[in-house]
Amino acid sequence: MRASGALWLASERALVVADLHLEKGSAYAARGQMLPPYDTRETLARLRAEVATLAPAVVILLGDTFHDRRSEERLAPDDAAELRTLAAGRALVWVVGNHDADGPRALPGETADEMILGGLVLRHEPRPGLRPGEVAGHLHPAARVRAPRGTLRRRCFVTDGERIILPAFGAYAGGLNVRDAAFAGMFARPPLAGVLAISRVRAISWRQMEVD
């Protein structure tokens, strides 16, 4: 688990990121809610930094890479070029999600509904019930924890050692409290949260997590 919110599968040299929601800012602007239009650039810069550090053989985009089905059309040329650069010399896999079910049209890479890698099943939306070996996104997990000066709410990984749900990687993607009912029944035991800090992932027990 990386402090950026990416998952590194070292044995497979695979970098996995979920829920980039590229062009969310432009989608909101089209509806009259003006946000600074830099979310795609910031998200791709963070992804580029992870690729430069880890030199993965494969980058897996775990669904909802685009915020909507027209996001690819709204990409700035420099951002589209960044995605092409990320694909150079390695495999790029677009696992489709509910926001981008068609996958990319003009960008490189392979599109898949799900992927099996190293005994793990990588998909966008976690399946109901217990699913050992599942790696998923979609729910944008976040943990609210008590700190010496109050409470903090941070994006997080959530896992019981059997399955793992990744935080949203996108700059404008929000977070759903891991104590929300949407996570009920997914874990065989009370899960841990891997909370994203500045330079590390901090393990937080279920008892330390609070509702919103």
N, C-alpha and C. Protein backbone atom coordinates (compact mmCIF):
# COMPACT_ATOMS: atom_id res chain seq x y z
N MET A 1 0.85 -1.19 0.00
CA MET A 1 0.00 0.00 0.00
C MET A 1 0.89 1.24 0.00
N ARG A 2 0.68 2.09 -0.96
CA ARG A 2 1.50 3.28 -1.13
C ARG A 2 0.78 4.51 -0.58
N ALA A 3 1.56 5.47 -0.08
CA ALA A 3 0.98 6.68 0.49
C ALA A 3 0.20 7.49 -0.53
N SER A 4 0.47 7.26 -1.80
CA SER A 4 -0.28 7.94 -2.87
C SER A 4 -1.70 7.41 -3.02
N GLY A 5 -1.94 6.19 -2.50
CA GLY A 5 -3.21 5.51 -2.72
C GLY A 5 -3.11 4.41 -3.75
N ALA A 6 -1.92 4.22 -4.32
CA ALA A 6 -1.70 3.13 -5.28
C ALA A 6 -1.34 1.85 -4.53
N LEU A 7 -1.60 0.73 -5.18
CA LEU A 7 -1.22 -0.58 -4.67
C LEU A 7 -0.10 -1.13 -5.54
N TRP A 8 0.98 -1.59 -4.92
CA TRP A 8 2.13 -2.12 -5.65
C TRP A 8 2.21 -3.62 -5.41
N LEU A 9 2.06 -4.39 -6.45
CA LEU A 9 2.19 -5.84 -6.39
C LEU A 9 3.59 -6.19 -6.89
N ALA A 10 4.53 -6.26 -5.96
CA ALA A 10 5.94 -6.33 -6.34
C ALA A 10 6.27 -7.57 -7.15
N SER A 11 5.69 -8.72 -6.76
CA SER A 11 6.03 -9.96 -7.46
C SER A 11 5.61 -9.94 -8.92
N GLU A 12 4.61 -9.13 -9.25
CA GLU A 12 4.11 -9.02 -10.62
C GLU A 12 4.58 -7.73 -11.30
N ARG A 13 5.28 -6.91 -10.54
CA ARG A 13 5.68 -5.57 -11.01
C ARG A 13 4.47 -4.82 -11.56
N ALA A 14 3.39 -4.88 -10.79
CA ALA A 14 2.12 -4.29 -11.22
C ALA A 14 1.74 -3.13 -10.31
N LEU A 15 1.44 -2.00 -10.89
CA LEU A 15 0.96 -0.82 -10.18
C LEU A 15 -0.54 -0.70 -10.43
N VAL A 16 -1.31 -0.66 -9.35
CA VAL A 16 -2.77 -0.64 -9.45
C VAL A 16 -3.30 0.65 -8.83
N VAL A 17 -4.13 1.37 -9.56
CA VAL A 17 -4.77 2.58 -9.04
C VAL A 17 -6.25 2.53 -9.41
N ALA A 18 -7.08 3.05 -8.54
CA ALA A 18 -8.53 2.99 -8.74
C ALA A 18 -9.13 4.39 -8.74
N ASP A 19 -10.18 4.55 -9.52
CA ASP A 19 -11.04 5.73 -9.41
C ASP A 19 -10.27 7.05 -9.58
N LEU A 20 -9.65 7.20 -10.77
CA LEU A 20 -8.99 8.47 -11.07
C LEU A 20 -10.00 9.58 -11.36
N HIS A 21 -11.13 9.23 -11.93
CA HIS A 21 -12.19 10.19 -12.26
C HIS A 21 -11.63 11.39 -13.03
N LEU A 22 -10.84 11.10 -14.05
CA LEU A 22 -10.27 12.17 -14.87
C LEU A 22 -11.38 13.01 -15.50
N GLU A 23 -11.15 14.31 -15.51
CA GLU A 23 -12.08 15.30 -16.08
C GLU A 23 -13.36 15.44 -15.26
N LYS A 24 -13.28 15.16 -13.98
CA LYS A 24 -14.43 15.43 -13.11
C LYS A 24 -14.68 16.94 -13.04
N GLY A 25 -13.59 17.72 -12.96
CA GLY A 25 -13.75 19.17 -12.89
C GLY A 25 -14.48 19.73 -14.09
N SER A 26 -14.14 19.26 -15.29
CA SER A 26 -14.80 19.78 -16.48
C SER A 26 -16.25 19.31 -16.57
N ALA A 27 -16.54 18.12 -16.01
CA ALA A 27 -17.93 17.64 -15.98
C ALA A 27 -18.78 18.53 -15.09
N TYR A 28 -18.24 18.93 -13.94
CA TYR A 28 -18.97 19.82 -13.04
C TYR A 28 -19.12 21.21 -13.67
N ALA A 29 -18.06 21.68 -14.35
CA ALA A 29 -18.14 23.00 -14.97
C ALA A 29 -19.23 23.06 -16.02
N ALA A 30 -19.42 21.96 -16.75
CA ALA A 30 -20.46 21.92 -17.78
C ALA A 30 -21.85 22.04 -17.17
N ARG A 31 -21.96 21.69 -15.89
CA ARG A 31 -23.25 21.81 -15.20
C ARG A 31 -23.35 23.09 -14.38
N GLY A 32 -22.37 23.99 -14.54
CA GLY A 32 -22.43 25.28 -13.87
C GLY A 32 -21.76 25.34 -12.52
N GLN A 33 -21.16 24.26 -12.07
CA GLN A 33 -20.43 24.26 -10.80
C GLN A 33 -18.95 24.39 -11.11
N MET A 34 -18.43 25.60 -10.98
CA MET A 34 -17.08 25.89 -11.45
C MET A 34 -16.03 25.44 -10.43
N LEU A 35 -15.18 24.50 -10.86
CA LEU A 35 -14.07 24.02 -10.06
C LEU A 35 -12.79 24.31 -10.82
N PRO A 36 -11.67 24.51 -10.13
CA PRO A 36 -10.40 24.69 -10.84
C PRO A 36 -10.14 23.51 -11.77
N PRO A 37 -9.81 23.77 -13.04
CA PRO A 37 -9.75 22.69 -14.04
C PRO A 37 -8.41 21.97 -14.08
N TYR A 38 -7.89 21.65 -12.90
CA TYR A 38 -6.55 21.07 -12.85
C TYR A 38 -6.53 19.67 -12.26
N ASP A 39 -7.68 19.07 -12.07
CA ASP A 39 -7.71 17.77 -11.38
C ASP A 39 -7.04 16.68 -12.21
N THR A 40 -7.28 16.66 -13.51
CA THR A 40 -6.66 15.63 -14.35
C THR A 40 -5.14 15.77 -14.33
N ARG A 41 -4.64 16.98 -14.46
CA ARG A 41 -3.19 17.20 -14.47
C ARG A 41 -2.56 16.76 -13.14
N GLU A 42 -3.20 17.11 -12.04
CA GLU A 42 -2.67 16.73 -10.72
C GLU A 42 -2.69 15.22 -10.54
N THR A 43 -3.78 14.58 -10.93
CA THR A 43 -3.89 13.12 -10.79
C THR A 43 -2.84 12.41 -11.63
N LEU A 44 -2.66 12.85 -12.87
CA LEU A 44 -1.68 12.20 -13.74
C LEU A 44 -0.25 12.48 -13.28
N ALA A 45 0.00 13.62 -12.68
CA ALA A 45 1.33 13.91 -12.14
C ALA A 45 1.67 12.95 -11.00
N ARG A 46 0.69 12.65 -10.16
CA ARG A 46 0.92 11.71 -9.06
C ARG A 46 1.13 10.30 -9.59
N LEU A 47 0.39 9.94 -10.63
CA LEU A 47 0.57 8.63 -11.23
C LEU A 47 1.94 8.54 -11.90
N ARG A 48 2.34 9.60 -12.59
CA ARG A 48 3.66 9.62 -13.23
C ARG A 48 4.77 9.44 -12.19
N ALA A 49 4.63 10.06 -11.03
CA ALA A 49 5.63 9.92 -9.98
C ALA A 49 5.75 8.48 -9.49
N GLU A 50 4.62 7.79 -9.36
CA GLU A 50 4.65 6.39 -8.94
C GLU A 50 5.32 5.52 -10.00
N VAL A 51 5.02 5.78 -11.26
CA VAL A 51 5.63 5.01 -12.34
C VAL A 51 7.14 5.25 -12.38
N ALA A 52 7.56 6.49 -12.18
CA ALA A 52 8.99 6.80 -12.20
C ALA A 52 9.72 6.12 -11.04
N THR A 53 9.06 6.03 -9.89
CA THR A 53 9.69 5.42 -8.71
C THR A 53 9.77 3.91 -8.82
N LEU A 54 8.71 3.28 -9.33
CA LEU A 54 8.58 1.82 -9.26
C LEU A 54 8.91 1.10 -10.56
N ALA A 55 8.89 1.81 -11.68
CA ALA A 55 9.14 1.21 -13.00
C ALA A 55 8.33 -0.07 -13.20
N PRO A 56 7.00 0.01 -13.14
CA PRO A 56 6.16 -1.19 -13.28
C PRO A 56 6.20 -1.77 -14.68
N ALA A 57 5.96 -3.08 -14.75
CA ALA A 57 5.80 -3.74 -16.04
C ALA A 57 4.38 -3.56 -16.56
N VAL A 58 3.44 -3.36 -15.65
CA VAL A 58 2.05 -3.18 -16.02
C VAL A 58 1.42 -2.16 -15.08
N VAL A 59 0.62 -1.26 -15.65
CA VAL A 59 -0.20 -0.32 -14.88
C VAL A 59 -1.65 -0.72 -15.08
N ILE A 60 -2.36 -0.94 -13.98
CA ILE A 60 -3.75 -1.36 -14.03
C ILE A 60 -4.62 -0.24 -13.48
N LEU A 61 -5.49 0.27 -14.33
CA LEU A 61 -6.43 1.32 -13.94
C LEU A 61 -7.73 0.63 -13.58
N LEU A 62 -8.09 0.67 -12.31
CA LEU A 62 -9.12 -0.23 -11.78
C LEU A 62 -10.53 0.37 -11.85
N GLY A 63 -10.85 0.96 -12.98
CA GLY A 63 -12.22 1.42 -13.20
C GLY A 63 -12.48 2.84 -12.76
N ASP A 64 -13.47 3.46 -13.40
CA ASP A 64 -13.79 4.87 -13.21
C ASP A 64 -12.54 5.73 -13.40
N THR A 65 -11.75 5.36 -14.40
CA THR A 65 -10.59 6.18 -14.75
C THR A 65 -11.06 7.51 -15.30
N PHE A 66 -12.11 7.49 -16.12
CA PHE A 66 -12.77 8.71 -16.57
C PHE A 66 -14.01 8.95 -15.73
N HIS A 67 -14.36 10.22 -15.54
CA HIS A 67 -15.53 10.54 -14.73
C HIS A 67 -16.83 10.26 -15.46
N ASP A 68 -16.82 10.38 -16.79
CA ASP A 68 -18.02 10.07 -17.56
C ASP A 68 -17.59 9.64 -18.97
N ARG A 69 -18.55 9.28 -19.78
CA ARG A 69 -18.23 8.69 -21.09
C ARG A 69 -17.72 9.71 -22.10
N ARG A 70 -17.79 10.99 -21.80
CA ARG A 70 -17.26 12.01 -22.70
C ARG A 70 -15.98 12.65 -22.17
N SER A 71 -15.48 12.12 -21.06
CA SER A 71 -14.27 12.70 -20.46
C SER A 71 -13.09 12.64 -21.41
N GLU A 72 -12.96 11.53 -22.15
CA GLU A 72 -11.83 11.39 -23.06
C GLU A 72 -11.82 12.51 -24.10
N GLU A 73 -13.01 12.94 -24.54
CA GLU A 73 -13.11 14.02 -25.52
C GLU A 73 -12.65 15.35 -24.92
N ARG A 74 -12.78 15.50 -23.62
CA ARG A 74 -12.44 16.77 -22.97
C ARG A 74 -10.99 16.83 -22.50
N LEU A 75 -10.25 15.74 -22.64
CA LEU A 75 -8.86 15.74 -22.21
C LEU A 75 -8.06 16.79 -22.97
N ALA A 76 -7.25 17.55 -22.24
CA ALA A 76 -6.31 18.45 -22.89
C ALA A 76 -5.28 17.62 -23.65
N PRO A 77 -4.76 18.11 -24.76
CA PRO A 77 -3.77 17.35 -25.52
C PRO A 77 -2.57 16.91 -24.68
N ASP A 78 -2.11 17.77 -23.77
CA ASP A 78 -0.97 17.39 -22.93
C ASP A 78 -1.32 16.23 -22.01
N ASP A 79 -2.56 16.19 -21.53
CA ASP A 79 -2.96 15.11 -20.63
C ASP A 79 -3.12 13.80 -21.39
N ALA A 80 -3.65 13.88 -22.60
CA ALA A 80 -3.74 12.67 -23.43
C ALA A 80 -2.34 12.15 -23.75
N ALA A 81 -1.41 13.08 -24.03
CA ALA A 81 -0.03 12.68 -24.30
C ALA A 81 0.60 12.03 -23.07
N GLU A 82 0.26 12.52 -21.89
CA GLU A 82 0.77 11.92 -20.64
C GLU A 82 0.32 10.47 -20.51
N LEU A 83 -0.92 10.19 -20.83
CA LEU A 83 -1.41 8.82 -20.77
C LEU A 83 -0.71 7.94 -21.80
N ARG A 84 -0.44 8.47 -22.95
CA ARG A 84 0.29 7.68 -23.95
C ARG A 84 1.72 7.40 -23.48
N THR A 85 2.32 8.37 -22.83
CA THR A 85 3.68 8.18 -22.31
C THR A 85 3.70 7.11 -21.22
N LEU A 86 2.68 7.12 -20.37
CA LEU A 86 2.60 6.11 -19.30
C LEU A 86 2.51 4.70 -19.87
N ALA A 87 1.93 4.57 -21.05
CA ALA A 87 1.77 3.25 -21.66
C ALA A 87 3.02 2.80 -22.41
N ALA A 88 3.96 3.70 -22.65
CA ALA A 88 5.14 3.35 -23.44
C ALA A 88 6.05 2.38 -22.68
N GLY A 89 6.35 1.25 -23.29
CA GLY A 89 7.28 0.30 -22.70
C GLY A 89 6.70 -0.58 -21.63
N ARG A 90 5.38 -0.55 -21.45
CA ARG A 90 4.73 -1.39 -20.43
C ARG A 90 3.30 -1.68 -20.86
N ALA A 91 2.68 -2.63 -20.22
CA ALA A 91 1.27 -2.90 -20.46
C ALA A 91 0.41 -1.90 -19.68
N LEU A 92 -0.66 -1.48 -20.28
CA LEU A 92 -1.63 -0.59 -19.63
C LEU A 92 -2.99 -1.25 -19.76
N VAL A 93 -3.63 -1.53 -18.63
CA VAL A 93 -4.91 -2.23 -18.63
C VAL A 93 -5.98 -1.31 -18.04
N TRP A 94 -7.03 -1.09 -18.80
CA TRP A 94 -8.17 -0.29 -18.37
C TRP A 94 -9.28 -1.26 -17.92
N VAL A 95 -9.38 -1.53 -16.64
CA VAL A 95 -10.54 -2.26 -16.13
C VAL A 95 -11.70 -1.28 -16.09
N VAL A 96 -12.79 -1.61 -16.71
CA VAL A 96 -13.89 -0.65 -16.83
C VAL A 96 -14.70 -0.58 -15.54
N GLY A 97 -15.29 0.58 -15.33
CA GLY A 97 -16.13 0.80 -14.15
C GLY A 97 -17.50 1.30 -14.55
N ASN A 98 -18.28 1.72 -13.59
CA ASN A 98 -19.63 2.19 -13.88
C ASN A 98 -19.64 3.57 -14.54
N HIS A 99 -18.59 4.37 -14.36
CA HIS A 99 -18.53 5.68 -15.00
C HIS A 99 -17.94 5.62 -16.40
N ASP A 100 -17.17 4.57 -16.69
CA ASP A 100 -16.47 4.50 -17.99
C ASP A 100 -16.60 3.11 -18.59
N ALA A 101 -17.83 2.64 -18.69
CA ALA A 101 -18.07 1.25 -19.09
C ALA A 101 -17.60 0.93 -20.50
N ASP A 102 -17.41 1.95 -21.34
CA ASP A 102 -16.98 1.71 -22.71
C ASP A 102 -15.46 1.63 -22.84
N GLY A 103 -14.73 2.07 -21.81
CA GLY A 103 -13.29 2.10 -21.91
C GLY A 103 -12.83 3.22 -22.84
N PRO A 104 -11.52 3.36 -23.03
CA PRO A 104 -11.00 4.42 -23.89
C PRO A 104 -11.21 4.10 -25.36
N ARG A 105 -11.26 5.14 -26.18
CA ARG A 105 -11.46 4.95 -27.62
C ARG A 105 -10.19 5.25 -28.43
N ALA A 106 -9.44 6.27 -28.01
CA ALA A 106 -8.29 6.69 -28.81
C ALA A 106 -6.96 6.58 -28.06
N LEU A 107 -6.98 6.01 -26.89
CA LEU A 107 -5.78 5.91 -26.07
C LEU A 107 -5.28 4.47 -26.06
N PRO A 108 -3.99 4.28 -25.83
CA PRO A 108 -3.44 2.91 -25.86
C PRO A 108 -3.85 2.10 -24.64
N GLY A 109 -3.70 0.80 -24.75
CA GLY A 109 -3.96 -0.10 -23.63
C GLY A 109 -5.03 -1.12 -23.95
N GLU A 110 -5.18 -2.04 -23.04
CA GLU A 110 -6.14 -3.14 -23.17
C GLU A 110 -7.31 -2.90 -22.22
N THR A 111 -8.51 -3.16 -22.67
CA THR A 111 -9.72 -2.99 -21.86
C THR A 111 -10.18 -4.35 -21.35
N ALA A 112 -10.59 -4.40 -20.06
CA ALA A 112 -11.04 -5.66 -19.47
C ALA A 112 -12.15 -5.39 -18.45
N ASP A 113 -13.06 -6.35 -18.30
CA ASP A 113 -14.07 -6.26 -17.24
C ASP A 113 -13.45 -6.55 -15.88
N GLU A 114 -12.51 -7.48 -15.85
CA GLU A 114 -11.75 -7.79 -14.64
C GLU A 114 -10.47 -8.49 -15.07
N MET A 115 -9.57 -8.68 -14.13
CA MET A 115 -8.27 -9.24 -14.46
C MET A 115 -7.82 -10.16 -13.34
N ILE A 116 -7.22 -11.29 -13.68
CA ILE A 116 -6.65 -12.20 -12.69
C ILE A 116 -5.14 -12.08 -12.78
N LEU A 117 -4.51 -11.83 -11.65
CA LEU A 117 -3.07 -11.60 -11.61
C LEU A 117 -2.51 -12.12 -10.30
N GLY A 118 -1.57 -13.07 -10.38
CA GLY A 118 -0.93 -13.58 -9.19
C GLY A 118 -1.90 -14.17 -8.17
N GLY A 119 -2.97 -14.80 -8.65
CA GLY A 119 -3.95 -15.39 -7.74
C GLY A 119 -4.97 -14.40 -7.21
N LEU A 120 -4.89 -13.14 -7.63
CA LEU A 120 -5.84 -12.11 -7.21
C LEU A 120 -6.82 -11.82 -8.34
N VAL A 121 -8.02 -11.41 -7.96
CA VAL A 121 -9.02 -10.98 -8.94
C VAL A 121 -9.18 -9.48 -8.79
N LEU A 122 -8.82 -8.75 -9.85
CA LEU A 122 -8.89 -7.30 -9.84
C LEU A 122 -10.11 -6.87 -10.63
N ARG A 123 -11.00 -6.15 -9.96
CA ARG A 123 -12.21 -5.64 -10.62
C ARG A 123 -12.55 -4.28 -10.04
N HIS A 124 -13.43 -3.57 -10.72
CA HIS A 124 -13.78 -2.24 -10.24
C HIS A 124 -14.67 -2.30 -8.99
N GLU A 125 -15.81 -2.94 -9.13
CA GLU A 125 -16.80 -2.91 -8.04
C GLU A 125 -16.71 -4.19 -7.22
N PRO A 126 -16.53 -4.08 -5.90
CA PRO A 126 -16.46 -5.29 -5.09
C PRO A 126 -17.78 -6.06 -5.12
N ARG A 127 -17.66 -7.38 -5.18
CA ARG A 127 -18.86 -8.23 -5.17
C ARG A 127 -19.38 -8.38 -3.75
N PRO A 128 -20.67 -8.60 -3.58
CA PRO A 128 -21.23 -8.78 -2.23
C PRO A 128 -20.66 -10.03 -1.56
N GLY A 129 -20.70 -10.02 -0.24
CA GLY A 129 -20.25 -11.18 0.53
C GLY A 129 -18.75 -11.27 0.61
N LEU A 130 -18.27 -12.39 1.11
CA LEU A 130 -16.83 -12.60 1.29
C LEU A 130 -16.21 -13.02 -0.04
N ARG A 131 -15.16 -12.37 -0.44
CA ARG A 131 -14.50 -12.64 -1.72
C ARG A 131 -12.99 -12.67 -1.51
N PRO A 132 -12.45 -13.76 -0.98
CA PRO A 132 -11.00 -13.84 -0.78
C PRO A 132 -10.24 -13.62 -2.09
N GLY A 133 -9.20 -12.81 -2.01
CA GLY A 133 -8.38 -12.54 -3.18
C GLY A 133 -8.86 -11.40 -4.06
N GLU A 134 -9.93 -10.74 -3.68
CA GLU A 134 -10.45 -9.65 -4.50
C GLU A 134 -9.72 -8.35 -4.21
N VAL A 135 -9.39 -7.64 -5.28
CA VAL A 135 -8.84 -6.28 -5.21
C VAL A 135 -9.81 -5.39 -5.99
N ALA A 136 -10.38 -4.40 -5.32
CA ALA A 136 -11.43 -3.60 -5.96
C ALA A 136 -11.30 -2.13 -5.55
N GLY A 137 -12.09 -1.31 -6.22
CA GLY A 137 -12.17 0.11 -5.91
C GLY A 137 -13.62 0.48 -5.68
N HIS A 138 -14.10 1.50 -6.41
CA HIS A 138 -15.51 1.89 -6.50
C HIS A 138 -16.05 2.61 -5.27
N LEU A 139 -15.75 2.12 -4.07
CA LEU A 139 -16.39 2.66 -2.87
C LEU A 139 -15.66 3.87 -2.27
N HIS A 140 -14.47 4.19 -2.75
CA HIS A 140 -13.73 5.35 -2.27
C HIS A 140 -13.59 5.36 -0.74
N PRO A 141 -13.05 4.33 -0.13
CA PRO A 141 -13.04 4.27 1.33
C PRO A 141 -12.25 5.42 1.97
N ALA A 142 -12.78 5.87 3.09
CA ALA A 142 -12.13 6.90 3.91
C ALA A 142 -12.38 6.56 5.38
N ALA A 143 -11.44 6.93 6.23
CA ALA A 143 -11.56 6.64 7.66
C ALA A 143 -11.56 7.95 8.44
N ARG A 144 -12.42 8.00 9.42
CA ARG A 144 -12.45 9.12 10.36
C ARG A 144 -11.84 8.62 11.66
N VAL A 145 -10.77 9.24 12.10
CA VAL A 145 -10.06 8.78 13.30
C VAL A 145 -9.83 9.96 14.24
N ARG A 146 -9.81 9.64 15.52
CA ARG A 146 -9.56 10.67 16.52
C ARG A 146 -8.07 10.90 16.65
N ALA A 147 -7.67 12.17 16.66
CA ALA A 147 -6.27 12.58 16.78
C ALA A 147 -6.13 13.48 18.00
N PRO A 148 -4.88 13.73 18.45
CA PRO A 148 -4.69 14.56 19.66
C PRO A 148 -5.36 15.93 19.57
N ARG A 149 -5.47 16.48 18.37
CA ARG A 149 -6.05 17.82 18.23
C ARG A 149 -7.44 17.79 17.58
N GLY A 150 -8.12 16.68 17.70
CA GLY A 150 -9.45 16.57 17.12
C GLY A 150 -9.59 15.29 16.32
N THR A 151 -10.32 15.36 15.22
CA THR A 151 -10.49 14.18 14.37
C THR A 151 -9.97 14.49 12.96
N LEU A 152 -9.51 13.43 12.31
CA LEU A 152 -9.05 13.51 10.93
C LEU A 152 -9.88 12.58 10.08
N ARG A 153 -10.12 12.99 8.86
CA ARG A 153 -10.81 12.13 7.91
C ARG A 153 -9.92 12.01 6.68
N ARG A 154 -9.46 10.80 6.40
CA ARG A 154 -8.51 10.59 5.33
C ARG A 154 -8.93 9.42 4.44
N ARG A 155 -8.55 9.49 3.19
CA ARG A 155 -8.71 8.33 2.31
C ARG A 155 -7.89 7.16 2.85
N CYS A 156 -8.34 5.96 2.54
CA CYS A 156 -7.65 4.80 3.09
C CYS A 156 -7.88 3.56 2.23
N PHE A 157 -6.97 2.61 2.35
CA PHE A 157 -7.22 1.23 1.97
C PHE A 157 -8.03 0.59 3.09
N VAL A 158 -8.79 -0.43 2.79
CA VAL A 158 -9.47 -1.19 3.85
C VAL A 158 -9.35 -2.66 3.50
N THR A 159 -8.90 -3.46 4.50
CA THR A 159 -8.63 -4.87 4.25
C THR A 159 -8.73 -5.68 5.54
N ASP A 160 -9.14 -6.94 5.37
CA ASP A 160 -9.11 -7.90 6.47
C ASP A 160 -8.06 -8.98 6.22
N GLY A 161 -7.19 -8.73 5.24
CA GLY A 161 -6.19 -9.72 4.87
C GLY A 161 -6.68 -10.72 3.83
N GLU A 162 -7.98 -10.70 3.53
CA GLU A 162 -8.56 -11.60 2.53
C GLU A 162 -8.88 -10.86 1.23
N ARG A 163 -9.38 -9.65 1.37
CA ARG A 163 -9.66 -8.80 0.21
C ARG A 163 -9.23 -7.39 0.58
N ILE A 164 -9.08 -6.56 -0.45
CA ILE A 164 -8.68 -5.17 -0.20
C ILE A 164 -9.46 -4.26 -1.13
N ILE A 165 -9.89 -3.12 -0.59
CA ILE A 165 -10.56 -2.09 -1.37
C ILE A 165 -9.66 -0.86 -1.35
N LEU A 166 -9.37 -0.36 -2.55
CA LEU A 166 -8.43 0.74 -2.69
C LEU A 166 -9.12 2.09 -2.54
N PRO A 167 -8.37 3.08 -2.06
CA PRO A 167 -8.91 4.45 -2.04
C PRO A 167 -8.99 5.01 -3.45
N ALA A 168 -9.79 6.02 -3.61
CA ALA A 168 -9.83 6.73 -4.89
C ALA A 168 -8.52 7.49 -5.07
N PHE A 169 -7.96 7.39 -6.28
CA PHE A 169 -6.68 8.03 -6.58
C PHE A 169 -6.87 9.44 -7.14
N GLY A 170 -8.04 9.74 -7.67
CA GLY A 170 -8.27 11.03 -8.33
C GLY A 170 -8.27 12.20 -7.39
N ALA A 171 -7.76 13.34 -7.87
CA ALA A 171 -7.65 14.54 -7.05
C ALA A 171 -9.00 15.03 -6.55
N TYR A 172 -10.05 14.88 -7.36
CA TYR A 172 -11.37 15.38 -6.98
C TYR A 172 -12.32 14.28 -6.50
N ALA A 173 -11.83 13.06 -6.37
CA ALA A 173 -12.71 11.97 -5.92
C ALA A 173 -12.91 12.07 -4.41
N GLY A 174 -14.11 11.86 -3.95
CA GLY A 174 -14.41 11.95 -2.53
C GLY A 174 -14.14 10.64 -1.81
N GLY A 175 -14.68 10.52 -0.60
CA GLY A 175 -14.46 9.32 0.19
C GLY A 175 -15.70 8.94 0.98
N LEU A 176 -15.94 7.63 1.10
CA LEU A 176 -17.08 7.10 1.85
C LEU A 176 -16.56 6.47 3.14
N ASN A 177 -17.11 6.85 4.25
CA ASN A 177 -16.67 6.32 5.54
C ASN A 177 -16.75 4.79 5.55
N VAL A 178 -15.67 4.14 5.99
CA VAL A 178 -15.62 2.68 5.98
C VAL A 178 -16.63 2.05 6.94
N ARG A 179 -17.20 2.84 7.82
CA ARG A 179 -18.27 2.33 8.70
C ARG A 179 -19.65 2.47 8.06
N ASP A 180 -19.70 2.95 6.84
CA ASP A 180 -20.98 3.04 6.12
C ASP A 180 -21.51 1.64 5.83
N ALA A 181 -22.82 1.53 5.72
CA ALA A 181 -23.46 0.24 5.47
C ALA A 181 -23.03 -0.39 4.15
N ALA A 182 -22.49 0.42 3.22
CA ALA A 182 -22.06 -0.12 1.93
C ALA A 182 -20.93 -1.14 2.09
N PHE A 183 -20.18 -1.07 3.19
CA PHE A 183 -19.07 -2.00 3.43
C PHE A 183 -19.51 -3.22 4.25
N ALA A 184 -20.76 -3.24 4.72
CA ALA A 184 -21.21 -4.32 5.60
C ALA A 184 -21.18 -5.66 4.88
N GLY A 185 -20.72 -6.68 5.59
CA GLY A 185 -20.72 -8.04 5.07
C GLY A 185 -19.59 -8.36 4.13
N MET A 186 -18.66 -7.44 3.92
CA MET A 186 -17.57 -7.68 2.97
C MET A 186 -16.34 -8.31 3.61
N PHE A 187 -16.26 -8.28 4.92
CA PHE A 187 -15.05 -8.72 5.59
C PHE A 187 -15.34 -9.81 6.61
N ALA A 188 -14.44 -10.80 6.67
CA ALA A 188 -14.63 -11.92 7.58
C ALA A 188 -14.37 -11.54 9.02
N ARG A 189 -13.66 -10.47 9.23
CA ARG A 189 -13.32 -9.98 10.57
C ARG A 189 -13.24 -8.46 10.51
N PRO A 190 -13.26 -7.77 11.64
CA PRO A 190 -13.15 -6.31 11.58
C PRO A 190 -11.90 -5.90 10.80
N PRO A 191 -12.06 -5.10 9.76
CA PRO A 191 -10.91 -4.78 8.90
C PRO A 191 -10.02 -3.70 9.50
N LEU A 192 -8.83 -3.61 8.95
CA LEU A 192 -7.92 -2.51 9.22
C LEU A 192 -8.06 -1.48 8.11
N ALA A 193 -7.80 -0.24 8.45
CA ALA A 193 -7.69 0.82 7.46
C ALA A 193 -6.22 1.19 7.30
N GLY A 194 -5.77 1.27 6.07
CA GLY A 194 -4.44 1.81 5.78
C GLY A 194 -4.62 3.25 5.38
N VAL A 195 -4.50 4.16 6.36
CA VAL A 195 -4.82 5.57 6.15
C VAL A 195 -3.66 6.26 5.45
N LEU A 196 -3.96 7.06 4.44
CA LEU A 196 -2.93 7.76 3.68
C LEU A 196 -2.42 8.96 4.46
N ALA A 197 -1.14 8.92 4.80
CA ALA A 197 -0.46 10.06 5.41
C ALA A 197 0.47 10.68 4.37
N ILE A 198 1.25 11.66 4.78
CA ILE A 198 2.06 12.39 3.82
C ILE A 198 3.07 11.49 3.12
N SER A 199 3.74 10.64 3.88
CA SER A 199 4.80 9.83 3.29
C SER A 199 4.69 8.35 3.61
N ARG A 200 3.60 7.93 4.25
CA ARG A 200 3.45 6.52 4.58
C ARG A 200 1.97 6.18 4.75
N VAL A 201 1.70 4.90 4.83
CA VAL A 201 0.35 4.42 5.11
C VAL A 201 0.32 3.98 6.57
N ARG A 202 -0.62 4.48 7.31
CA ARG A 202 -0.71 4.22 8.74
C ARG A 202 -1.86 3.27 9.03
N ALA A 203 -1.56 2.17 9.71
CA ALA A 203 -2.59 1.18 10.05
C ALA A 203 -3.46 1.68 11.20
N ILE A 204 -4.77 1.60 11.01
CA ILE A 204 -5.74 2.02 12.02
C ILE A 204 -6.71 0.87 12.26
N SER A 205 -6.93 0.53 13.51
CA SER A 205 -7.83 -0.58 13.82
C SER A 205 -9.30 -0.13 13.69
N TRP A 206 -10.16 -1.12 13.58
CA TRP A 206 -11.59 -0.85 13.47
C TRP A 206 -12.10 -0.04 14.66
N ARG A 207 -11.59 -0.34 15.85
CA ARG A 207 -12.05 0.36 17.06
C ARG A 207 -11.65 1.84 17.06
N GLN A 208 -10.63 2.18 16.31
CA GLN A 208 -10.20 3.58 16.27
C GLN A 208 -10.98 4.39 15.24
N MET A 209 -11.77 3.73 14.41
CA MET A 209 -12.51 4.45 13.37
C MET A 209 -13.86 4.91 13.90
N GLU A 210 -14.27 6.10 13.48
CA GLU A 210 -15.53 6.69 13.93
C GLU A 210 -16.47 6.89 12.74
N VAL A 211 -17.74 6.98 13.07
CA VAL A 211 -18.72 7.34 12.04
C VAL A 211 -18.63 8.84 11.78
N ASP A 212 -19.15 9.27 10.65
CA ASP A 212 -19.16 10.70 10.34
C ASP A 212 -20.22 11.42 11.16
